Amino acid sequence: MRFRPTFSRLRRPELPSLKLPALKLPRGARLAMLVTVGALAAFGIGYLVAALFIFPAPLLSGRRAVPRLIGLTLEEAQEKLVAASLDATAADEESSDLIPAGQVIWQEPPAGVVVPERTTVTLTMSTGPGAAIVPDVTGLEARLAARIIEAAGLRLRRIDSVQAPAPRGVTVLSRPSPGTALTPGTGVVLTVSRGEATLVVPDVIGLSLGDAGAAIEAAGLHLGSSWSRPEPGATAGTVVEQRPAAGTLAAPESPVDLIFASRPDR
């Protein structure tokens, strides 16, 4: 019987554990540290918000925020761009009813965009209100023609009437003529038809002013202006002259002007 030596399992010697004492801060110091960290975080967030939204300053050197230039003259806009290390060029002109001539109406890039230094900002300049073109209202009823004139940016100055081979109240011409370019707000004169000359003007010479007016109305015309003048041999208050003359053809509702003899003492 052989003897077999046995070996006990080797065990790793146990080392004494080394424990570091826990670092304990006083309660007041910990509170102060938390307040400091919170304040720094709030400051950082506030700075980013201000830098990005309230005062959008470029975050990288060599970049600039484009200033607002609309409403400035070309010289003022150039001075503002030079101060921002940017360049300017006036590339186009457009009419505007809101921005006076000689001022910036648009800019590209727009205000607030961050761009590299020496970027060229393109400016569009205002030429002021655009020209208003006289519309063609020939053949239209006078009230409709007047509304179209006003819609074109012009105004109705007055309406004249003439005898014309067109229905009564229809526009036969305008002054200035259609297609003329005018400054907005300029007055336009319309001429409308009194109708075609189909009625005969009655002879009212020698009649009193009242009788003459009645005869004129009965003929389909109407009494126009009347005034007096000394007329030797004529009875005071009677008609001594009429315009148009008796027998003349006139359009319906055309006026007939009368001159009557004044009293001797006038």
C-alpha atoms as a PDB file:
ATOM      1  CA  MET A   1       0.000   0.000   0.000  1.00  0.00           C
ATOM      2  CA  ARG A   2       1.490   3.140  -1.186  1.00  0.00           C
ATOM      3  CA  PHE A   3       1.429   6.302   0.797  1.00  0.00           C
ATOM      4  CA  ARG A   4       0.122   9.247  -1.145  1.00  0.00           C
ATOM      5  CA  PRO A   5       0.771  12.558   0.363  1.00  0.00           C
ATOM      6  CA  THR A   6      -2.164  14.937   0.399  1.00  0.00           C
ATOM      7  CA  PHE A   7      -1.824  18.628  -0.048  1.00  0.00           C
ATOM      8  CA  SER A   8      -4.261  20.997   1.447  1.00  0.00           C
ATOM      9  CA  ARG A   9      -5.705  23.615  -0.909  1.00  0.00           C
ATOM     10  CA  LEU A  10      -3.620  26.704  -0.943  1.00  0.00           C
ATOM     11  CA  ARG A  11      -5.507  29.727   0.197  1.00  0.00           C
ATOM     12  CA  ARG A  12      -4.797  33.307  -0.757  1.00  0.00           C
ATOM     13  CA  PRO A  13      -3.765  35.139   2.268  1.00  0.00           C
ATOM     14  CA  GLU A  14      -6.358  37.655   3.229  1.00  0.00           C
ATOM     15  CA  LEU A  15      -5.169  41.238   3.354  1.00  0.00           C
ATOM     16  CA  PRO A  16      -6.672  43.627   5.733  1.00  0.00           C
ATOM     17  CA  SER A  17      -9.230  45.828   3.996  1.00  0.00           C
ATOM     18  CA  LEU A  18      -8.334  49.445   3.650  1.00  0.00           C
ATOM     19  CA  LYS A  19     -11.278  51.742   4.113  1.00  0.00           C
ATOM     20  CA  LEU A  20     -11.040  55.425   3.323  1.00  0.00           C
ATOM     21  CA  PRO A  21     -12.947  57.693   5.546  1.00  0.00           C
ATOM     22  CA  ALA A  22     -16.052  59.176   3.799  1.00  0.00           C
ATOM     23  CA  LEU A  23     -15.748  62.850   2.917  1.00  0.00           C
ATOM     24  CA  LYS A  24     -18.557  64.642   4.612  1.00  0.00           C
ATOM     25  CA  LEU A  25     -19.234  68.297   3.960  1.00  0.00           C
ATOM     26  CA  PRO A  26     -21.130  70.431   6.321  1.00  0.00           C
ATOM     27  CA  ARG A  27     -24.746  70.947   5.350  1.00  0.00           C
ATOM     28  CA  GLY A  28     -24.201  74.643   4.678  1.00  0.00           C
ATOM     29  CA  ALA A  29     -21.296  73.930   2.309  1.00  0.00           C
ATOM     30  CA  ARG A  30     -23.318  71.389   0.342  1.00  0.00           C
ATOM     31  CA  LEU A  31     -26.184  73.842  -0.018  1.00  0.00           C
ATOM     32  CA  ALA A  32     -23.814  76.546  -1.207  1.00  0.00           C
ATOM     33  CA  MET A  33     -22.304  74.163  -3.781  1.00  0.00           C
ATOM     34  CA  LEU A  34     -25.764  73.251  -5.136  1.00  0.00           C
ATOM     35  CA  VAL A  35     -26.740  76.913  -5.379  1.00  0.00           C
ATOM     36  CA  THR A  36     -23.498  77.731  -7.223  1.00  0.00           C
ATOM     37  CA  VAL A  37     -23.942  74.895  -9.730  1.00  0.00           C
ATOM     38  CA  GLY A  38     -27.562  75.879 -10.337  1.00  0.00           C
ATOM     39  CA  ALA A  39     -26.637  79.525 -10.846  1.00  0.00           C
ATOM     40  CA  LEU A  40     -23.925  78.607 -13.364  1.00  0.00           C
ATOM     41  CA  ALA A  41     -26.325  76.366 -15.280  1.00  0.00           C
ATOM     42  CA  ALA A  42     -29.015  79.072 -15.346  1.00  0.00           C
ATOM     43  CA  PHE A  43     -26.488  81.642 -16.513  1.00  0.00           C
ATOM     44  CA  GLY A  44     -25.317  79.351 -19.318  1.00  0.00           C
ATOM     45  CA  ILE A  45     -28.851  78.661 -20.513  1.00  0.00           C
ATOM     46  CA  GLY A  46     -29.765  82.350 -20.315  1.00  0.00           C
ATOM     47  CA  TYR A  47     -26.683  83.310 -22.302  1.00  0.00           C
ATOM     48  CA  LEU A  48     -27.511  80.830 -25.052  1.00  0.00           C
ATOM     49  CA  VAL A  49     -31.106  82.025 -25.252  1.00  0.00           C
ATOM     50  CA  ALA A  50     -29.997  85.666 -25.427  1.00  0.00           C
ATOM     51  CA  ALA A  51     -27.301  84.910 -27.986  1.00  0.00           C
ATOM     52  CA  LEU A  52     -29.542  82.841 -30.221  1.00  0.00           C
ATOM     53  CA  PHE A  53     -32.929  84.566 -29.954  1.00  0.00           C
ATOM     54  CA  ILE A  54     -32.931  87.929 -28.152  1.00  0.00           C
ATOM     55  CA  PHE A  55     -29.609  89.350 -29.376  1.00  0.00           C
ATOM     56  CA  PRO A  56     -28.692  87.025 -32.272  1.00  0.00           C
ATOM     57  CA  ALA A  57     -24.981  87.694 -32.350  1.00  0.00           C
ATOM     58  CA  PRO A  58     -22.761  85.410 -34.416  1.00  0.00           C
ATOM     59  CA  LEU A  59     -21.319  82.533 -32.398  1.00  0.00           C
ATOM     60  CA  LEU A  60     -18.291  82.139 -34.620  1.00  0.00           C
ATOM     61  CA  SER A  61     -15.683  84.780 -35.306  1.00  0.00           C
ATOM     62  CA  GLY A  62     -15.687  86.125 -38.845  1.00  0.00           C
ATOM     63  CA  ARG A  63     -19.490  86.004 -39.151  1.00  0.00           C
ATOM     64  CA  ARG A  64     -21.966  88.866 -38.933  1.00  0.00           C
ATOM     65  CA  ALA A  65     -25.726  89.283 -38.517  1.00  0.00           C
ATOM     66  CA  VAL A  66     -27.287  91.205 -41.423  1.00  0.00           C
ATOM     67  CA  PRO A  67     -28.860  94.446 -40.076  1.00  0.00           C
ATOM     68  CA  ARG A  68     -32.345  95.648 -41.021  1.00  0.00           C
ATOM     69  CA  LEU A  69     -32.092  98.084 -43.923  1.00  0.00           C
ATOM     70  CA  ILE A  70     -35.668  98.454 -45.226  1.00  0.00           C
ATOM     71  CA  GLY A  71     -36.783 102.086 -45.182  1.00  0.00           C
ATOM     72  CA  LEU A  72     -33.227 103.484 -45.241  1.00  0.00           C
ATOM     73  CA  THR A  73     -31.690 105.491 -48.054  1.00  0.00           C
ATOM     74  CA  LEU A  74     -28.927 103.860 -50.090  1.00  0.00           C
ATOM     75  CA  GLU A  75     -26.277 105.911 -48.280  1.00  0.00           C
ATOM     76  CA  GLU A  76     -27.656 105.017 -44.841  1.00  0.00           C
ATOM     77  CA  ALA A  77     -27.843 101.338 -45.747  1.00  0.00           C
ATOM     78  CA  GLN A  78     -24.247 101.334 -47.020  1.00  0.00           C
ATOM     79  CA  GLU A  79     -23.001 102.983 -43.821  1.00  0.00           C
ATOM     80  CA  LYS A  80     -24.813 100.404 -41.704  1.00  0.00           C
ATOM     81  CA  LEU A  81     -23.390  97.519 -43.735  1.00  0.00           C
ATOM     82  CA  VAL A  82     -19.848  98.900 -43.570  1.00  0.00           C
ATOM     83  CA  ALA A  83     -20.161  99.057 -39.772  1.00  0.00           C
ATOM     84  CA  ALA A  84     -21.206  95.376 -39.843  1.00  0.00           C
ATOM     85  CA  SER A  85     -18.225  94.420 -42.102  1.00  0.00           C
ATOM     86  CA  LEU A  86     -20.585  93.658 -44.999  1.00  0.00           C
ATOM     87  CA  ASP A  87     -20.867  94.972 -48.556  1.00  0.00           C
ATOM     88  CA  ALA A  88     -23.864  96.428 -50.424  1.00  0.00           C
ATOM     89  CA  THR A  89     -25.097  96.523 -53.994  1.00  0.00           C
ATOM     90  CA  ALA A  90     -28.296  98.098 -55.377  1.00  0.00           C
ATOM     91  CA  ALA A  91     -29.432  95.641 -58.022  1.00  0.00           C
ATOM     92  CA  ASP A  92     -33.023  96.554 -58.829  1.00  0.00           C
ATOM     93  CA  GLU A  93     -35.820  99.105 -58.466  1.00  0.00           C
ATOM     94  CA  GLU A  94     -39.525  98.587 -57.827  1.00  0.00           C
ATOM     95  CA  SER A  95     -42.526 100.840 -57.313  1.00  0.00           C
ATOM     96  CA  SER A  96     -44.128 100.976 -53.872  1.00  0.00           C
ATOM     97  CA  ASP A  97     -47.197 102.700 -52.474  1.00  0.00           C
ATOM     98  CA  LEU A  98     -45.795 102.412 -48.919  1.00  0.00           C
ATOM     99  CA  ILE A  99     -42.065 103.202 -49.110  1.00  0.00           C
ATOM    100  CA  PRO A 100     -40.973 106.567 -50.599  1.00  0.00           C
ATOM    101  CA  ALA A 101     -38.710 106.745 -53.618  1.00  0.00           C
ATOM    102  CA  GLY A 102     -34.996 106.354 -52.871  1.00  0.00           C
ATOM    103  CA  GLN A 103     -35.435 104.053 -49.858  1.00  0.00           C
ATOM    104  CA  VAL A 104     -34.743 100.329 -49.505  1.00  0.00           C
ATOM    105  CA  ILE A 105     -37.841  98.233 -50.217  1.00  0.00           C
ATOM    106  CA  TRP A 106     -36.197  94.784 -49.852  1.00  0.00           C
ATOM    107  CA  GLN A 107     -32.849  93.233 -48.919  1.00  0.00           C
ATOM    108  CA  GLU A 108     -31.265  89.861 -49.604  1.00  0.00           C
ATOM    109  CA  PRO A 109     -30.213  88.199 -47.295  1.00  0.00           C
ATOM    110  CA  PRO A 110     -32.990  89.376 -44.948  1.00  0.00           C
ATOM    111  CA  ALA A 111     -32.288  91.050 -41.613  1.00  0.00           C
ATOM    112  CA  GLY A 112     -31.042  88.771 -38.825  1.00  0.00           C
ATOM    113  CA  VAL A 113     -29.394  86.149 -41.051  1.00  0.00           C
ATOM    114  CA  VAL A 114     -25.812  85.353 -39.954  1.00  0.00           C
ATOM    115  CA  VAL A 115     -23.334  85.437 -42.859  1.00  0.00           C
ATOM    116  CA  PRO A 116     -19.542  85.534 -43.321  1.00  0.00           C
ATOM    117  CA  GLU A 117     -17.826  88.895 -43.258  1.00  0.00           C
ATOM    118  CA  ARG A 118     -17.686  90.780 -46.551  1.00  0.00           C
ATOM    119  CA  THR A 119     -20.877  89.106 -47.787  1.00  0.00           C
ATOM    120  CA  THR A 120     -22.674  91.304 -50.341  1.00  0.00           C
ATOM    121  CA  VAL A 121     -26.198  92.336 -49.367  1.00  0.00           C
ATOM    122  CA  THR A 122     -28.391  93.040 -52.412  1.00  0.00           C
ATOM    123  CA  LEU A 123     -30.720  96.032 -52.025  1.00  0.00           C
ATOM    124  CA  THR A 124     -33.928  96.736 -53.959  1.00  0.00           C
ATOM    125  CA  MET A 125     -34.749 100.448 -54.043  1.00  0.00           C
ATOM    126  CA  SER A 126     -38.210 102.028 -54.176  1.00  0.00           C
ATOM    127  CA  THR A 127     -39.209 104.284 -57.062  1.00  0.00           C
ATOM    128  CA  GLY A 128     -42.297 105.506 -55.206  1.00  0.00           C
ATOM    129  CA  PRO A 129     -45.915 104.942 -56.284  1.00  0.00           C
ATOM    130  CA  GLY A 130     -46.310 103.415 -59.723  1.00  0.00           C
ATOM    131  CA  ALA A 131     -48.005 105.245 -62.580  1.00  0.00           C
ATOM    132  CA  ALA A 132     -51.774 104.941 -62.915  1.00  0.00           C
ATOM    133  CA  ILE A 133     -52.997 104.171 -66.436  1.00  0.00           C
ATOM    134  CA  VAL A 134     -56.215 105.773 -67.657  1.00  0.00           C
ATOM    135  CA  PRO A 135     -58.602 102.887 -68.426  1.00  0.00           C
ATOM    136  CA  ASP A 136     -60.769 102.753 -71.526  1.00  0.00           C
ATOM    137  CA  VAL A 137     -64.343 103.398 -70.330  1.00  0.00           C
ATOM    138  CA  THR A 138     -65.818 104.327 -73.700  1.00  0.00           C
ATOM    139  CA  GLY A 139     -69.317 102.896 -74.126  1.00  0.00           C
ATOM    140  CA  LEU A 140     -69.880 102.405 -70.383  1.00  0.00           C
ATOM    141  CA  GLU A 141     -72.602 104.035 -68.326  1.00  0.00           C
ATOM    142  CA  ALA A 142     -71.239 107.109 -66.538  1.00  0.00           C
ATOM    143  CA  ARG A 143     -71.484 105.764 -62.969  1.00  0.00           C
ATOM    144  CA  LEU A 144     -69.734 102.518 -63.886  1.00  0.00           C
ATOM    145  CA  ALA A 145     -67.049 104.462 -65.782  1.00  0.00           C
ATOM    146  CA  ALA A 146     -66.445 106.651 -62.717  1.00  0.00           C
ATOM    147  CA  ARG A 147     -65.973 103.598 -60.465  1.00  0.00           C
ATOM    148  CA  ILE A 148     -63.465 102.100 -62.903  1.00  0.00           C
ATOM    149  CA  ILE A 149     -61.541 105.382 -63.030  1.00  0.00           C
ATOM    150  CA  GLU A 150     -61.286 105.408 -59.216  1.00  0.00           C
ATOM    151  CA  ALA A 151     -60.323 101.716 -59.097  1.00  0.00           C
ATOM    152  CA  ALA A 152     -57.388 102.538 -61.385  1.00  0.00           C
ATOM    153  CA  GLY A 153     -55.988 104.902 -58.730  1.00  0.00           C
ATOM    154  CA  LEU A 154     -57.304 108.079 -60.334  1.00  0.00           C
ATOM    155  CA  ARG A 155     -60.195 110.373 -59.414  1.00  0.00           C
ATOM    156  CA  LEU A 156     -63.166 111.719 -61.294  1.00  0.00           C
ATOM    157  CA  ARG A 157     -62.671 115.441 -61.901  1.00  0.00           C
ATOM    158  CA  ARG A 158     -66.031 116.181 -63.547  1.00  0.00           C
ATOM    159  CA  ILE A 159     -68.531 114.880 -66.093  1.00  0.00           C
ATOM    160  CA  ASP A 160     -69.346 116.867 -69.232  1.00  0.00           C
ATOM    161  CA  SER A 161     -72.134 116.074 -71.680  1.00  0.00           C
ATOM    162  CA  VAL A 162     -72.400 116.437 -75.443  1.00  0.00           C
ATOM    163  CA  GLN A 163     -74.805 115.487 -78.193  1.00  0.00           C
ATOM    164  CA  ALA A 164     -73.617 112.236 -79.664  1.00  0.00           C
ATOM    165  CA  PRO A 165     -75.031 109.295 -81.625  1.00  0.00           C
ATOM    166  CA  ALA A 166     -74.958 107.171 -78.471  1.00  0.00           C
ATOM    167  CA  PRO A 167     -77.553 106.380 -75.781  1.00  0.00           C
ATOM    168  CA  ARG A 168     -78.039 109.033 -73.147  1.00  0.00           C
ATOM    169  CA  GLY A 169     -75.624 108.753 -70.176  1.00  0.00           C
ATOM    170  CA  VAL A 170     -73.071 106.595 -72.015  1.00  0.00           C
ATOM    171  CA  THR A 171     -69.396 107.650 -71.901  1.00  0.00           C
ATOM    172  CA  VAL A 172     -68.120 108.754 -75.309  1.00  0.00           C
ATOM    173  CA  LEU A 173     -64.595 109.886 -74.347  1.00  0.00           C
ATOM    174  CA  SER A 174     -62.252 110.696 -71.474  1.00  0.00           C
ATOM    175  CA  ARG A 175     -59.571 113.311 -70.989  1.00  0.00           C
ATOM    176  CA  PRO A 176     -56.705 112.367 -70.837  1.00  0.00           C
ATOM    177  CA  SER A 177     -57.248 109.607 -73.350  1.00  0.00           C
ATOM    178  CA  PRO A 178     -57.141 105.893 -72.428  1.00  0.00           C
ATOM    179  CA  GLY A 179     -53.661 104.456 -71.960  1.00  0.00           C
ATOM    180  CA  THR A 180     -52.144 107.686 -70.632  1.00  0.00           C
ATOM    181  CA  ALA A 181     -49.822 107.179 -67.637  1.00  0.00           C
ATOM    182  CA  LEU A 182     -50.613 109.589 -64.807  1.00  0.00           C
ATOM    183  CA  THR A 183     -49.555 110.174 -61.226  1.00  0.00           C
ATOM    184  CA  PRO A 184     -51.958 108.346 -58.894  1.00  0.00           C
ATOM    185  CA  GLY A 185     -54.785 110.641 -57.770  1.00  0.00           C
ATOM    186  CA  THR A 186     -54.829 112.743 -60.950  1.00  0.00           C
ATOM    187  CA  GLY A 187     -58.282 113.914 -62.055  1.00  0.00           C
ATOM    188  CA  VAL A 188     -59.944 112.556 -65.200  1.00  0.00           C
ATOM    189  CA  VAL A 189     -62.788 114.264 -67.084  1.00  0.00           C
ATOM    190  CA  LEU A 190     -65.498 112.050 -68.577  1.00  0.00           C
ATOM    191  CA  THR A 191     -67.738 113.144 -71.423  1.00  0.00           C
ATOM    192  CA  VAL A 192     -71.073 111.393 -71.693  1.00  0.00           C
ATOM    193  CA  SER A 193     -73.715 111.482 -74.365  1.00  0.00           C
ATOM    194  CA  ARG A 194     -76.868 113.531 -74.023  1.00  0.00           C
ATOM    195  CA  GLY A 195     -78.279 111.432 -76.824  1.00  0.00           C
ATOM    196  CA  GLU A 196     -78.596 111.916 -80.545  1.00  0.00           C
ATOM    197  CA  ALA A 197     -79.925 115.248 -81.834  1.00  0.00           C
ATOM    198  CA  THR A 198     -83.486 114.321 -82.738  1.00  0.00           C
ATOM    199  CA  LEU A 199     -85.594 117.097 -81.172  1.00  0.00           C
ATOM    200  CA  VAL A 200     -86.292 120.504 -82.688  1.00  0.00           C
ATOM    201  CA  VAL A 201     -85.586 123.489 -80.427  1.00  0.00           C
ATOM    202  CA  PRO A 202     -88.766 125.622 -80.269  1.00  0.00           C
ATOM    203  CA  ASP A 203     -88.841 129.337 -81.008  1.00  0.00           C
ATOM    204  CA  VAL A 204     -89.355 131.192 -77.712  1.00  0.00           C
ATOM    205  CA  ILE A 205     -88.258 134.690 -78.749  1.00  0.00           C
ATOM    206  CA  GLY A 206     -90.680 137.327 -77.381  1.00  0.00           C
ATOM    207  CA  LEU A 207     -92.165 134.977 -74.763  1.00  0.00           C
ATOM    208  CA  SER A 208     -91.934 135.626 -71.055  1.00  0.00           C
ATOM    209  CA  LEU A 209     -89.366 133.647 -69.171  1.00  0.00           C
ATOM    210  CA  GLY A 210     -92.048 131.415 -67.649  1.00  0.00           C
ATOM    211  CA  ASP A 211     -93.780 130.688 -70.971  1.00  0.00           C
ATOM    212  CA  ALA A 212     -90.450 130.054 -72.699  1.00  0.00           C
ATOM    213  CA  GLY A 213     -89.450 127.546 -70.036  1.00  0.00           C
ATOM    214  CA  ALA A 214     -92.754 125.701 -70.394  1.00  0.00           C
ATOM    215  CA  ALA A 215     -92.375 125.503 -74.192  1.00  0.00           C
ATOM    216  CA  ILE A 216     -88.850 124.181 -73.880  1.00  0.00           C
ATOM    217  CA  GLU A 217     -89.887 121.471 -71.403  1.00  0.00           C
ATOM    218  CA  ALA A 218     -92.808 120.487 -73.626  1.00  0.00           C
ATOM    219  CA  ALA A 219     -90.358 119.935 -76.508  1.00  0.00           C
ATOM    220  CA  GLY A 220     -88.431 117.357 -74.476  1.00  0.00           C
ATOM    221  CA  LEU A 221     -85.642 119.761 -73.569  1.00  0.00           C
ATOM    222  CA  HIS A 222     -84.973 121.658 -70.353  1.00  0.00           C
ATOM    223  CA  LEU A 223     -84.349 125.266 -69.380  1.00  0.00           C
ATOM    224  CA  GLY A 224     -80.662 125.992 -68.947  1.00  0.00           C
ATOM    225  CA  SER A 225     -79.071 129.239 -67.771  1.00  0.00           C
ATOM    226  CA  SER A 226     -80.824 132.566 -68.116  1.00  0.00           C
ATOM    227  CA  TRP A 227     -79.650 136.142 -67.702  1.00  0.00           C
ATOM    228  CA  SER A 228     -80.761 139.639 -68.700  1.00  0.00           C
ATOM    229  CA  ARG A 229     -79.376 142.468 -70.762  1.00  0.00           C
ATOM    230  CA  PRO A 230     -80.666 145.859 -71.871  1.00  0.00           C
ATOM    231  CA  GLU A 231     -82.541 145.504 -75.155  1.00  0.00           C
ATOM    232  CA  PRO A 232     -84.016 148.730 -76.633  1.00  0.00           C
ATOM    233  CA  GLY A 233     -87.550 148.267 -77.964  1.00  0.00           C
ATOM    234  CA  ALA A 234     -88.099 144.915 -76.216  1.00  0.00           C
ATOM    235  CA  THR A 235     -90.577 144.348 -73.442  1.00  0.00           C
ATOM    236  CA  ALA A 236     -88.792 143.799 -70.146  1.00  0.00           C
ATOM    237  CA  GLY A 237     -88.838 140.182 -69.052  1.00  0.00           C
ATOM    238  CA  THR A 238     -89.302 138.739 -72.548  1.00  0.00           C
ATOM    239  CA  VAL A 239     -86.798 136.499 -74.336  1.00  0.00           C
ATOM    240  CA  VAL A 240     -84.578 138.320 -76.817  1.00  0.00           C
ATOM    241  CA  GLU A 241     -82.119 135.489 -77.586  1.00  0.00           C
ATOM    242  CA  GLN A 242     -81.932 131.709 -77.171  1.00  0.00           C
ATOM    243  CA  ARG A 243     -79.095 129.199 -77.434  1.00  0.00           C
ATOM    244  CA  PRO A 244     -79.294 126.943 -79.377  1.00  0.00           C
ATOM    245  CA  ALA A 245     -81.309 128.845 -81.960  1.00  0.00           C
ATOM    246  CA  ALA A 246     -84.882 127.948 -82.879  1.00  0.00           C
ATOM    247  CA  GLY A 247     -85.139 125.059 -85.344  1.00  0.00           C
ATOM    248  CA  THR A 248     -81.827 123.504 -84.246  1.00  0.00           C
ATOM    249  CA  LEU A 249     -81.839 119.770 -83.601  1.00  0.00           C
ATOM    250  CA  ALA A 250     -80.910 118.824 -80.040  1.00  0.00           C
ATOM    251  CA  ALA A 251     -80.691 115.657 -77.997  1.00  0.00           C
ATOM    252  CA  PRO A 252     -83.431 114.893 -75.466  1.00  0.00           C
ATOM    253  CA  GLU A 253     -83.054 116.767 -72.173  1.00  0.00           C
ATOM    254  CA  SER A 254     -80.505 119.153 -73.710  1.00  0.00           C
ATOM    255  CA  PRO A 255     -80.424 122.584 -72.045  1.00  0.00           C
ATOM    256  CA  VAL A 256     -81.627 125.723 -73.792  1.00  0.00           C
ATOM    257  CA  ASP A 257     -80.111 128.962 -72.476  1.00  0.00           C
ATOM    258  CA  LEU A 258     -82.176 132.162 -72.607  1.00  0.00           C
ATOM    259  CA  ILE A 259     -81.400 135.884 -72.554  1.00  0.00           C
ATOM    260  CA  PHE A 260     -84.246 138.205 -71.617  1.00  0.00           C
ATOM    261  CA  ALA A 261     -84.638 141.966 -71.712  1.00  0.00           C
ATOM    262  CA  SER A 262     -83.908 143.805 -68.507  1.00  0.00           C
ATOM    263  CA  ARG A 263     -86.031 146.598 -67.105  1.00  0.00           C
ATOM    264  CA  PRO A 264     -85.043 150.104 -68.213  1.00  0.00           C
ATOM    265  CA  ASP A 265     -83.947 151.074 -64.709  1.00  0.00           C
ATOM    266  CA  ARG A 266     -81.393 148.244 -64.540  1.00  0.00           C
END
